[in-house]
Amino acid sequence: MGRSSGDGSWTYLTNHAHVLLAIAAEPDLRLKDIAERVDVTERRAAQIVADLEESGVLEREKRGRRNHYSIRPHHPLRHPLEQHHEVADLLAAISHRSADTESD
């Protein structure tokens, strides 16, 4: 799984942010699809989703055989430098989709 941007040694966002952005764009993505978009293993994608759920940013609902994810947009960011911002601010700044369309 190689990175396709620049020299590949680093990116501005963490894999946790990439997973969050992928789910914000498509809340019904399978872990396999999340892993492919973020360029991590499926196991790592599952760990990241679990981290996001445990932190309270993400909620998972079983719909038939699939999972549906809901993002809590008003949850504060975790790092002390950004905790005055909400998840919605990150989504609005980075994604093409409005953060207002996310459920709380």
Protein backbone atom coordinates (compact mmCIF):
# COMPACT_ATOMS: atom_id res chain seq x y z
CA MET A 1 0.00 0.00 0.00
CA GLY A 2 2.00 2.92 -1.23
CA ARG A 3 1.19 6.53 -0.86
CA SER A 4 0.67 8.40 -4.09
CA SER A 5 1.21 11.99 -2.93
CA GLY A 6 4.59 13.71 -2.84
CA ASP A 7 7.46 11.76 -1.37
CA GLY A 8 5.07 9.62 0.72
CA SER A 9 6.88 10.18 4.01
CA TRP A 10 4.06 12.15 5.68
CA THR A 11 0.68 13.81 5.17
CA TYR A 12 -1.03 16.76 6.80
CA LEU A 13 -3.82 14.63 8.26
CA THR A 14 -3.73 11.44 10.28
CA ASN A 15 -5.30 8.18 9.16
CA HIS A 16 -7.98 8.81 11.79
CA ALA A 17 -8.92 12.03 9.99
CA HIS A 18 -8.86 10.25 6.64
CA VAL A 19 -11.22 7.56 7.94
CA LEU A 20 -13.52 10.22 9.36
CA LEU A 21 -13.58 12.06 6.03
CA ALA A 22 -14.29 8.85 4.11
CA ILE A 23 -17.19 8.02 6.42
CA ALA A 24 -18.53 11.57 6.25
CA ALA A 25 -18.65 11.25 2.46
CA GLU A 26 -20.28 7.79 2.53
CA PRO A 27 -21.71 6.67 5.90
CA ASP A 28 -22.44 3.13 4.65
CA LEU A 29 -18.89 2.26 3.52
CA ARG A 30 -17.61 -1.22 4.28
CA LEU A 31 -14.35 -1.50 6.24
CA LYS A 32 -12.73 -2.90 3.09
CA ASP A 33 -13.68 0.26 1.18
CA ILE A 34 -12.52 2.54 4.00
CA ALA A 35 -9.18 0.72 4.09
CA GLU A 36 -8.71 1.11 0.33
CA ARG A 37 -9.52 4.83 0.37
CA VAL A 38 -7.23 5.55 3.32
CA ASP A 39 -4.50 3.21 2.05
CA VAL A 40 -4.31 1.09 5.20
CA THR A 41 -5.05 -2.55 5.94
CA GLU A 42 -8.60 -3.58 6.73
CA ARG A 43 -7.47 -4.49 10.24
CA ARG A 44 -6.02 -0.99 10.74
CA ALA A 45 -9.22 0.58 9.40
CA ALA A 46 -11.21 -1.46 11.95
CA GLN A 47 -8.90 -0.27 14.75
CA ILE A 48 -9.33 3.35 13.69
CA VAL A 49 -13.13 3.01 13.49
CA ALA A 50 -13.07 1.48 16.99
CA ASP A 51 -10.94 4.39 18.25
CA LEU A 52 -13.38 6.90 16.79
CA GLU A 53 -16.33 5.04 18.32
CA GLU A 54 -14.64 4.80 21.72
CA SER A 55 -13.90 8.55 21.69
CA GLY A 56 -17.55 9.32 21.00
CA VAL A 57 -16.98 10.89 17.58
CA LEU A 58 -18.54 8.02 15.65
CA GLU A 59 -21.57 5.81 16.21
CA ARG A 60 -22.22 2.54 14.40
CA GLU A 61 -25.67 1.16 13.66
CA LYS A 62 -26.27 -2.24 12.11
CA ARG A 63 -28.60 -2.06 9.10
CA GLY A 64 -29.18 -5.53 7.80
CA ARG A 65 -25.76 -6.97 6.98
CA ARG A 66 -24.12 -3.53 6.72
CA ASN A 67 -22.98 -0.90 9.17
CA HIS A 68 -24.14 2.69 8.98
CA TYR A 69 -21.95 5.28 10.66
CA SER A 70 -23.06 8.58 12.17
CA ILE A 71 -20.61 11.31 13.03
CA ARG A 72 -21.14 13.59 16.02
CA PRO A 73 -20.18 16.88 14.35
CA HIS A 74 -20.14 18.94 17.56
CA HIS A 75 -17.59 16.71 19.26
CA PRO A 76 -14.41 18.70 20.03
CA LEU A 77 -11.15 17.80 18.32
CA ARG A 78 -8.74 15.93 20.58
CA HIS A 79 -5.42 17.75 20.45
CA PRO A 80 -5.01 20.73 22.83
CA LEU A 81 -4.10 23.00 19.90
CA GLU A 82 -7.39 22.21 18.14
CA GLN A 83 -9.82 21.34 20.91
CA HIS A 84 -11.57 24.71 20.55
CA HIS A 85 -12.72 23.39 17.14
CA GLU A 86 -15.36 20.74 16.49
CA VAL A 87 -15.33 17.75 14.15
CA ALA A 88 -17.73 19.74 11.95
CA ASP A 89 -15.03 22.37 11.45
CA LEU A 90 -12.60 19.74 10.18
CA LEU A 91 -15.20 18.22 7.87
CA ALA A 92 -16.19 21.61 6.50
CA ALA A 93 -12.58 22.64 5.91
CA ILE A 94 -11.44 19.45 4.19
CA SER A 95 -14.42 17.71 2.62
CA HIS A 96 -16.55 18.73 -0.32
CA ARG A 97 -19.66 17.95 1.69
CA SER A 98 -21.14 20.47 4.09
CA ALA A 99 -20.77 19.57 7.76
CA ASP A 100 -24.35 20.83 8.26
CA THR A 101 -25.62 17.70 6.52
CA GLU A 102 -24.18 15.43 9.22
CA SER A 103 -26.36 14.18 12.06
CA ASP A 104 -25.59 14.84 15.70
